[in-house]
C-alpha atoms as a PDB file:
ATOM      1  CA  MET A   1      22.306 -39.211 -22.331  1.00  0.00           C
ATOM      2  CA  ARG A   2      22.794 -38.952 -18.565  1.00  0.00           C
ATOM      3  CA  LYS A   3      24.947 -35.813 -18.901  1.00  0.00           C
ATOM      4  CA  PHE A   4      22.297 -34.144 -21.068  1.00  0.00           C
ATOM      5  CA  ALA A   5      19.630 -34.779 -18.389  1.00  0.00           C
ATOM      6  CA  LYS A   6      21.803 -33.170 -15.696  1.00  0.00           C
ATOM      7  CA  ILE A   7      22.428 -30.087 -17.858  1.00  0.00           C
ATOM      8  CA  TRP A   8      18.728 -29.809 -18.734  1.00  0.00           C
ATOM      9  CA  PHE A   9      17.727 -30.183 -15.066  1.00  0.00           C
ATOM     10  CA  SER A  10      20.262 -27.514 -14.018  1.00  0.00           C
ATOM     11  CA  ILE A  11      18.973 -25.045 -16.621  1.00  0.00           C
ATOM     12  CA  VAL A  12      15.334 -25.625 -15.624  1.00  0.00           C
ATOM     13  CA  LEU A  13      16.233 -25.202 -11.928  1.00  0.00           C
ATOM     14  CA  VAL A  14      18.011 -21.882 -12.538  1.00  0.00           C
ATOM     15  CA  VAL A  15      15.108 -20.569 -14.643  1.00  0.00           C
ATOM     16  CA  PHE A  16      12.598 -21.661 -11.991  1.00  0.00           C
ATOM     17  CA  ILE A  17      14.546 -19.975  -9.177  1.00  0.00           C
ATOM     18  CA  GLY A  18      14.813 -16.772 -11.244  1.00  0.00           C
ATOM     19  CA  PHE A  19      11.086 -16.872 -11.937  1.00  0.00           C
ATOM     20  CA  MET A  20      10.274 -17.326  -8.242  1.00  0.00           C
ATOM     21  CA  VAL A  21      12.486 -14.351  -7.296  1.00  0.00           C
ATOM     22  CA  VAL A  22      10.624 -12.138  -9.791  1.00  0.00           C
ATOM     23  CA  VAL A  23       7.212 -13.355  -8.542  1.00  0.00           C
ATOM     24  CA  ILE A  24       8.110 -12.737  -4.885  1.00  0.00           C
ATOM     25  CA  GLN A  25       9.467  -9.254  -5.685  1.00  0.00           C
ATOM     26  CA  THR A  26       6.355  -8.386  -7.714  1.00  0.00           C
ATOM     27  CA  PHE A  27       3.694  -9.504  -5.256  1.00  0.00           C
ATOM     28  CA  ARG A  28       5.433  -8.643  -1.983  1.00  0.00           C
ATOM     29  CA  PRO A  29       3.061  -6.506   0.115  1.00  0.00           C
ATOM     30  CA  VAL A  30       3.831  -2.874   0.919  1.00  0.00           C
ATOM     31  CA  ARG A  31       4.511  -2.616   4.667  1.00  0.00           C
ATOM     32  CA  ASP A  32       6.583  -0.421   6.947  1.00  0.00           C
ATOM     33  CA  VAL A  33       7.185   2.336   4.369  1.00  0.00           C
ATOM     34  CA  GLN A  34      10.333   4.351   5.086  1.00  0.00           C
ATOM     35  CA  PRO A  35      11.360   7.704   3.521  1.00  0.00           C
ATOM     36  CA  ASP A  36      13.911   5.927   1.292  1.00  0.00           C
ATOM     37  CA  ASP A  37      11.173   3.709  -0.196  1.00  0.00           C
ATOM     38  CA  VAL A  38       9.296   6.520  -1.950  1.00  0.00           C
ATOM     39  CA  MET A  39       9.699   8.739  -4.983  1.00  0.00           C
ATOM     40  CA  LYS A  40       8.366  12.285  -5.303  1.00  0.00           C
ATOM     41  CA  ILE A  41       5.812  12.880  -8.063  1.00  0.00           C
ATOM     42  CA  GLU A  42       4.285  16.269  -8.835  1.00  0.00           C
ATOM     43  CA  GLY A  43       1.406  17.017 -11.133  1.00  0.00           C
ATOM     44  CA  ILE A  44      -2.030  18.478 -11.633  1.00  0.00           C
ATOM     45  CA  VAL A  45      -4.900  16.206 -10.576  1.00  0.00           C
ATOM     46  CA  ASP A  46      -7.093  15.210 -13.494  1.00  0.00           C
ATOM     47  CA  ASP A  47      -9.498  12.850 -11.725  1.00  0.00           C
ATOM     48  CA  VAL A  48     -10.270  11.366  -8.292  1.00  0.00           C
ATOM     49  CA  GLN A  49     -12.387   8.208  -8.106  1.00  0.00           C
ATOM     50  CA  GLU A  50     -13.272   5.395  -5.734  1.00  0.00           C
ATOM     51  CA  GLY A  51     -11.482   2.197  -6.656  1.00  0.00           C
ATOM     52  CA  ALA A  52     -11.933  -1.428  -5.695  1.00  0.00           C
ATOM     53  CA  GLY A  53     -11.292  -2.427  -2.092  1.00  0.00           C
ATOM     54  CA  PHE A  54     -11.909   1.022  -0.558  1.00  0.00           C
ATOM     55  CA  ASP A  55      -9.058   2.503  -2.629  1.00  0.00           C
ATOM     56  CA  ILE A  56      -8.929   6.115  -3.797  1.00  0.00           C
ATOM     57  CA  VAL A  57      -7.633   6.382  -7.367  1.00  0.00           C
ATOM     58  CA  ILE A  58      -5.968   9.603  -8.549  1.00  0.00           C
ATOM     59  CA  THR A  59      -4.883  10.388 -12.102  1.00  0.00           C
ATOM     60  CA  LEU A  60      -2.599  13.262 -13.052  1.00  0.00           C
ATOM     61  CA  LYS A  61      -2.604  15.242 -16.293  1.00  0.00           C
ATOM     62  CA  ASN A  62      -0.004  14.097 -18.824  1.00  0.00           C
ATOM     63  CA  ASP A  63       0.866  11.025 -16.719  1.00  0.00           C
ATOM     64  CA  HIS A  64      -0.060   7.509 -17.821  1.00  0.00           C
ATOM     65  CA  HIS A  65       0.144   6.052 -14.283  1.00  0.00           C
ATOM     66  CA  HIS A  66      -2.879   5.490 -12.067  1.00  0.00           C
ATOM     67  CA  TYR A  67      -2.045   6.355  -8.466  1.00  0.00           C
ATOM     68  CA  TYR A  68      -4.001   5.009  -5.523  1.00  0.00           C
ATOM     69  CA  ILE A  69      -4.265   5.347  -1.769  1.00  0.00           C
ATOM     70  CA  ASN A  70      -4.622   1.765  -0.626  1.00  0.00           C
ATOM     71  CA  ARG A  71      -7.815   1.464   1.458  1.00  0.00           C
ATOM     72  CA  GLY A  72      -7.989   5.259   1.544  1.00  0.00           C
ATOM     73  CA  LEU A  73     -11.680   5.318   2.392  1.00  0.00           C
ATOM     74  CA  GLN A  74     -10.912   3.400   5.595  1.00  0.00           C
ATOM     75  CA  TYR A  75      -8.671   6.297   6.691  1.00  0.00           C
ATOM     76  CA  ASN A  76     -11.824   8.439   6.987  1.00  0.00           C
ATOM     77  CA  ILE A  77     -10.853  10.427   3.902  1.00  0.00           C
ATOM     78  CA  ASP A  78     -14.036  11.885   2.446  1.00  0.00           C
ATOM     79  CA  LEU A  79     -13.904  11.333  -1.310  1.00  0.00           C
ATOM     80  CA  ASP A  80     -16.068  14.342  -2.212  1.00  0.00           C
ATOM     81  CA  GLN A  81     -14.062  16.637   0.074  1.00  0.00           C
ATOM     82  CA  LEU A  82     -10.781  15.306  -1.326  1.00  0.00           C
ATOM     83  CA  ARG A  83     -12.055  15.789  -4.868  1.00  0.00           C
ATOM     84  CA  SER A  84     -12.995  19.425  -4.178  1.00  0.00           C
ATOM     85  CA  ASN A  85      -9.631  20.062  -2.457  1.00  0.00           C
ATOM     86  CA  ILE A  86      -7.280  18.649  -5.090  1.00  0.00           C
ATOM     87  CA  LEU A  87      -9.104  18.434  -8.450  1.00  0.00           C
ATOM     88  CA  ASN A  88      -7.319  20.568 -11.093  1.00  0.00           C
ATOM     89  CA  LYS A  89      -4.669  21.613  -8.542  1.00  0.00           C
ATOM     90  CA  LYS A  90      -0.976  20.827  -8.282  1.00  0.00           C
ATOM     91  CA  VAL A  91      -0.241  18.083  -5.758  1.00  0.00           C
ATOM     92  CA  THR A  92       2.834  16.261  -4.533  1.00  0.00           C
ATOM     93  CA  LEU A  93       2.569  12.493  -4.295  1.00  0.00           C
ATOM     94  CA  PHE A  94       5.103  10.213  -2.696  1.00  0.00           C
ATOM     95  CA  GLY A  95       4.698   6.846  -4.376  1.00  0.00           C
ATOM     96  CA  ILE A  96       6.350   3.540  -3.567  1.00  0.00           C
ATOM     97  CA  LYS A  97       9.559   3.068  -5.543  1.00  0.00           C
ATOM     98  CA  ARG A  98      10.020  -0.623  -6.346  1.00  0.00           C
ATOM     99  CA  TRP A  99      11.018  -2.409  -9.530  1.00  0.00           C
ATOM    100  CA  THR A 100       8.760  -5.266 -10.597  1.00  0.00           C
ATOM    101  CA  ILE A 101       8.091  -7.012 -13.873  1.00  0.00           C
ATOM    102  CA  PHE A 102       5.000  -4.783 -14.263  1.00  0.00           C
ATOM    103  CA  THR A 103       6.634  -1.516 -13.100  1.00  0.00           C
ATOM    104  CA  ARG A 104       9.920  -1.313 -14.928  1.00  0.00           C
ATOM    105  CA  ASP A 105      10.152   2.434 -14.217  1.00  0.00           C
ATOM    106  CA  SER A 106       9.923   1.595 -10.452  1.00  0.00           C
ATOM    107  CA  ASN A 107       6.686   3.580 -10.070  1.00  0.00           C
ATOM    108  CA  MET A 108       4.176   1.260  -8.385  1.00  0.00           C
ATOM    109  CA  GLY A 109       1.397   3.841  -8.176  1.00  0.00           C
ATOM    110  CA  HIS A 110       0.832   3.183  -4.468  1.00  0.00           C
ATOM    111  CA  ILE A 111       0.636   6.593  -2.765  1.00  0.00           C
ATOM    112  CA  SER A 112       2.276   6.735   0.655  1.00  0.00           C
ATOM    113  CA  LYS A 113       1.936  10.481   1.111  1.00  0.00           C
ATOM    114  CA  LEU A 114      -0.283  13.130  -0.493  1.00  0.00           C
ATOM    115  CA  MET A 115       0.398  16.853  -0.107  1.00  0.00           C
ATOM    116  CA  ILE A 116      -1.090  20.044  -1.517  1.00  0.00           C
ATOM    117  CA  ASN A 117       0.411  23.476  -0.808  1.00  0.00           C
ATOM    118  CA  ASN A 118       2.726  21.974   1.862  1.00  0.00           C
ATOM    119  CA  GLU A 119      -0.324  20.557   3.699  1.00  0.00           C
ATOM    120  CA  VAL A 120      -0.309  16.807   4.311  1.00  0.00           C
ATOM    121  CA  ILE A 121      -3.622  15.162   3.413  1.00  0.00           C
ATOM    122  CA  PHE A 122      -2.476  11.548   3.777  1.00  0.00           C
ATOM    123  CA  ASN A 123       0.726   9.998   5.144  1.00  0.00           C
ATOM    124  CA  GLU A 124       1.652   6.372   5.889  1.00  0.00           C
ATOM    125  CA  ILE A 125       5.442   6.791   5.893  1.00  0.00           C
ATOM    126  CA  ASN A 126       7.199   5.709   9.084  1.00  0.00           C
ATOM    127  CA  ASN A 127       9.971   7.956  10.457  1.00  0.00           C
ATOM    128  CA  ASP A 128       8.756  10.851   8.298  1.00  0.00           C
ATOM    129  CA  THR A 129       8.898  14.533   9.169  1.00  0.00           C
ATOM    130  CA  HIS A 130       5.090  14.677   9.076  1.00  0.00           C
ATOM    131  CA  GLU A 131       2.653  12.801  11.280  1.00  0.00           C
ATOM    132  CA  LYS A 132       1.131   9.567   9.998  1.00  0.00           C
ATOM    133  CA  THR A 133      -2.546   9.393   9.090  1.00  0.00           C
ATOM    134  CA  SER A 134      -4.481   7.238  11.539  1.00  0.00           C
ATOM    135  CA  TYR A 135      -7.657   5.224  11.074  1.00  0.00           C
END
């Protein structure tokens, strides 16, 4: 009986440690974004809306992801102006590339850089070729 308890405890401990690793990876905040941390996404903007927490939510045609600029309204980005600039136009998004239990395709939806016609509208990537957006 004592051997069974040790085996059971070892299995539960390994499962718990694995679970904690997945939780930490999933809910780790996005900070200090580097050029290697992003993936390039191109598409035609279908909708631009205000999200919760001052976020700007962007959806692309034929793409099931919802992309967002975290606290985008605090970067002095005018939502109506942005909507008129990018709605129904081809944009290039640079989203955070990180695998989590919820993003198995590594596309988190967090936009770190937004470009249209080689013009940078928003950029939070450190050590990037373009200047960062400031508050």
